Amino acid sequence: MAKHVMVDLETMAVTPRAVVLTLGAVTFNPFTNEIYDDLYLKFDLDDQDKLGRDIDPNTLEWWGKQEPKVMEEAFSSDGRVSVVDAMDAFHRFVWGADKIWSHGAVFDIIILEDIYRQIGKPIAWEFWRCRDTRTLFDLADPEMEKSAEQHNALFDAIRQAKGVQTCMRKLGKTS
């Protein structure tokens, strides 16, 4: 059984040092329709301020134009956990994955790797296990529809995992 992880972040900047609002992740088999487990974490913002992580005014302006329900979820203080606890939970979740996917080669994974380095924890994957959905989706368009739920990290992770599964079917990949 293939165990891949899809991860999505919602952030307050677009730099490797971006403050992370939320993390959504799912384990899935890219060659079937199976999605196994999910994880949703809201990172403590004060912890990240102490680490000197970035907040960009343009990103905040962009957030102000999103669906109110999604914006409220991303910015509410309910359920936030320390950066260390969030990364420990994510580390356990991703451990042993065959591949780790994100929507873009230079965003989510790069931000997570930066946080791992900042808190002195080992990265939970080897660099060669990382995969990029943007490239795959350009090659084998999964024809995914837009949704009002976009920019909810867990919803996006599930949607992107399903997109990978669709692309693999289109490409005739079975393993």
Protein backbone atom coordinates (compact mmCIF):
# COMPACT_ATOMS: atom_id res chain seq x y z
CA MET A 1 0.00 0.00 0.00
CA ALA A 2 1.36 3.39 -0.98
CA LYS A 3 1.29 5.99 1.79
CA HIS A 4 1.62 9.51 0.50
CA VAL A 5 0.99 12.72 2.45
CA MET A 6 -0.58 15.86 1.03
CA VAL A 7 0.10 19.01 3.05
CA ASP A 8 -1.34 22.49 2.69
CA LEU A 9 -0.58 25.62 4.69
CA GLU A 10 -2.43 28.86 5.11
CA THR A 11 0.03 31.62 5.93
CA MET A 12 0.44 35.34 6.52
CA ALA A 13 3.27 35.79 3.98
CA VAL A 14 4.68 34.01 0.94
CA THR A 15 8.28 33.71 2.15
CA PRO A 16 10.03 30.65 3.62
CA ARG A 17 9.74 32.40 7.01
CA ALA A 18 5.98 32.98 6.72
CA VAL A 19 3.78 32.83 9.81
CA VAL A 20 1.63 29.71 9.53
CA LEU A 21 -2.03 30.10 10.40
CA THR A 22 -3.15 26.53 9.71
CA LEU A 23 -1.83 23.23 8.43
CA GLY A 24 -3.98 20.59 6.79
CA ALA A 25 -2.65 17.18 5.80
CA VAL A 26 -4.01 13.85 4.64
CA THR A 27 -2.50 10.44 4.05
CA PHE A 28 -3.65 8.88 0.82
CA ASN A 29 -2.94 6.32 -1.87
CA PRO A 30 -2.32 8.19 -5.14
CA PHE A 31 -3.24 5.14 -7.22
CA THR A 32 -6.71 4.55 -5.74
CA ASN A 33 -9.50 6.74 -4.34
CA GLU A 34 -8.40 6.07 -0.76
CA ILE A 35 -7.78 8.89 1.70
CA TYR A 36 -6.84 7.43 5.07
CA ASP A 37 -6.22 9.95 7.85
CA ASP A 38 -6.30 13.70 8.22
CA LEU A 39 -4.65 16.28 10.43
CA TYR A 40 -5.63 19.91 11.01
CA LEU A 41 -3.52 22.22 13.16
CA LYS A 42 -3.75 25.90 14.05
CA PHE A 43 -0.33 27.29 14.94
CA ASP A 44 0.12 29.71 17.84
CA LEU A 45 0.82 33.16 16.43
CA ASP A 46 2.72 34.52 19.46
CA ASP A 47 5.19 31.62 19.25
CA GLN A 48 5.91 32.52 15.65
CA ASP A 49 6.30 36.21 16.48
CA LYS A 50 9.00 35.21 19.01
CA LEU A 51 10.71 33.21 16.24
CA GLY A 52 10.71 36.29 13.99
CA ARG A 53 8.52 34.76 11.32
CA ASP A 54 7.16 36.99 8.52
CA ILE A 55 3.83 38.77 8.14
CA ASP A 56 3.32 40.53 4.81
CA PRO A 57 0.80 43.39 4.45
CA ASN A 58 -0.05 42.28 0.88
CA THR A 59 -0.93 38.80 2.12
CA LEU A 60 -3.10 40.28 4.88
CA GLU A 61 -4.85 42.42 2.27
CA TRP A 62 -5.42 39.27 0.16
CA TRP A 63 -6.90 37.50 3.21
CA GLY A 64 -9.34 40.38 3.62
CA LYS A 65 -10.83 39.51 0.22
CA GLN A 66 -11.49 35.83 1.02
CA GLU A 67 -14.76 34.21 2.07
CA PRO A 68 -15.59 35.42 5.61
CA LYS A 69 -16.16 31.87 6.90
CA VAL A 70 -12.73 30.72 5.68
CA MET A 71 -11.00 33.86 6.94
CA GLU A 72 -12.63 33.56 10.37
CA GLU A 73 -11.48 29.95 10.69
CA ALA A 74 -7.92 30.77 9.67
CA PHE A 75 -7.59 33.75 12.02
CA SER A 76 -9.64 32.70 15.06
CA SER A 77 -7.66 32.03 18.22
CA ASP A 78 -9.64 28.86 19.03
CA GLY A 79 -7.62 25.66 19.17
CA ARG A 80 -4.16 27.11 18.49
CA VAL A 81 -1.21 24.99 19.59
CA SER A 82 2.43 25.84 20.15
CA VAL A 83 4.74 25.62 17.18
CA VAL A 84 6.69 22.80 18.82
CA ASP A 85 3.53 20.79 19.59
CA ALA A 86 2.18 21.39 16.08
CA MET A 87 5.42 20.26 14.46
CA ASP A 88 5.63 17.21 16.75
CA ALA A 89 2.09 16.20 15.73
CA PHE A 90 2.86 16.78 12.05
CA HIS A 91 6.16 14.87 12.37
CA ARG A 92 4.32 11.83 13.74
CA PHE A 93 1.65 12.14 11.03
CA VAL A 94 4.09 12.29 8.10
CA TRP A 95 6.64 9.80 9.48
CA GLY A 96 7.17 6.83 7.15
CA ALA A 97 5.44 8.40 4.16
CA ASP A 98 6.61 7.23 0.75
CA LYS A 99 6.15 10.74 -0.69
CA ILE A 100 5.10 14.16 0.58
CA TRP A 101 3.11 16.40 -1.74
CA SER A 102 2.26 20.09 -1.74
CA HIS A 103 0.72 22.52 -4.21
CA GLY A 104 3.93 24.11 -5.43
CA ALA A 105 7.53 23.06 -5.05
CA VAL A 106 8.67 26.20 -3.27
CA PHE A 107 6.01 27.01 -0.71
CA ASP A 108 4.48 24.66 1.89
CA ILE A 109 7.36 22.20 2.21
CA ILE A 110 9.98 24.97 2.25
CA ILE A 111 8.09 26.78 5.04
CA LEU A 112 7.79 23.58 7.09
CA GLU A 113 11.48 22.80 6.63
CA ASP A 114 12.33 26.32 7.82
CA ILE A 115 10.24 25.83 10.96
CA TYR A 116 11.90 22.46 11.62
CA ARG A 117 15.30 24.19 11.44
CA GLN A 118 14.18 27.10 13.66
CA ILE A 119 13.00 24.80 16.44
CA GLY A 120 15.98 22.44 16.09
CA LYS A 121 14.03 19.35 14.99
CA PRO A 122 15.01 16.98 12.19
CA ILE A 123 13.00 17.19 8.98
CA ALA A 124 10.63 14.20 8.72
CA TRP A 125 11.41 13.41 5.08
CA GLU A 126 14.30 13.17 2.67
CA PHE A 127 14.38 15.87 -0.03
CA TRP A 128 13.88 13.31 -2.77
CA ARG A 129 10.47 12.28 -1.40
CA CYS A 130 8.90 15.70 -2.13
CA ARG A 131 6.38 16.04 -4.96
CA ASP A 132 4.64 19.04 -6.53
CA THR A 133 0.98 19.03 -7.57
CA ARG A 134 1.23 22.18 -9.71
CA THR A 135 3.49 20.41 -12.19
CA LEU A 136 1.39 17.23 -12.15
CA PHE A 137 -1.84 19.20 -12.61
CA ASP A 138 -0.33 21.05 -15.60
CA LEU A 139 0.61 17.71 -17.18
CA ALA A 140 -2.66 15.86 -16.53
CA ASP A 141 -5.35 18.40 -15.72
CA PRO A 142 -7.61 16.95 -12.99
CA GLU A 143 -10.32 19.50 -13.88
CA MET A 144 -10.93 20.51 -10.28
CA GLU A 145 -13.73 22.96 -9.61
CA LYS A 146 -13.33 26.06 -7.45
CA SER A 147 -15.07 26.07 -4.09
CA ALA A 148 -15.98 28.56 -1.37
CA GLU A 149 -14.03 26.32 1.04
CA GLN A 150 -10.72 27.02 -0.71
CA HIS A 151 -8.03 28.35 1.60
CA ASN A 152 -9.05 26.06 4.40
CA ALA A 153 -5.85 24.03 4.75
CA LEU A 154 -7.55 20.68 5.36
CA PHE A 155 -10.10 21.15 2.58
CA ASP A 156 -7.29 22.11 0.18
CA ALA A 157 -5.17 19.09 1.20
CA ILE A 158 -8.10 16.73 0.55
CA ARG A 159 -8.93 18.42 -2.75
CA GLN A 160 -5.30 18.27 -3.90
CA ALA A 161 -4.95 14.60 -2.90
CA LYS A 162 -8.05 13.80 -4.96
CA GLY A 163 -6.51 15.80 -7.82
CA VAL A 164 -3.36 13.65 -7.66
CA GLN A 165 -5.51 10.50 -7.73
CA THR A 166 -7.38 11.79 -10.79
CA CYS A 167 -4.14 12.64 -12.57
CA MET A 168 -2.66 9.21 -11.87
CA ARG A 169 -5.74 7.56 -13.37
CA LYS A 170 -5.51 9.83 -16.43
CA LEU A 171 -1.83 8.94 -16.82
CA GLY A 172 -2.56 5.22 -16.42
CA LYS A 173 -0.38 4.92 -13.30
CA THR A 174 -1.22 2.03 -10.97
CA SER A 175 1.87 2.00 -8.74
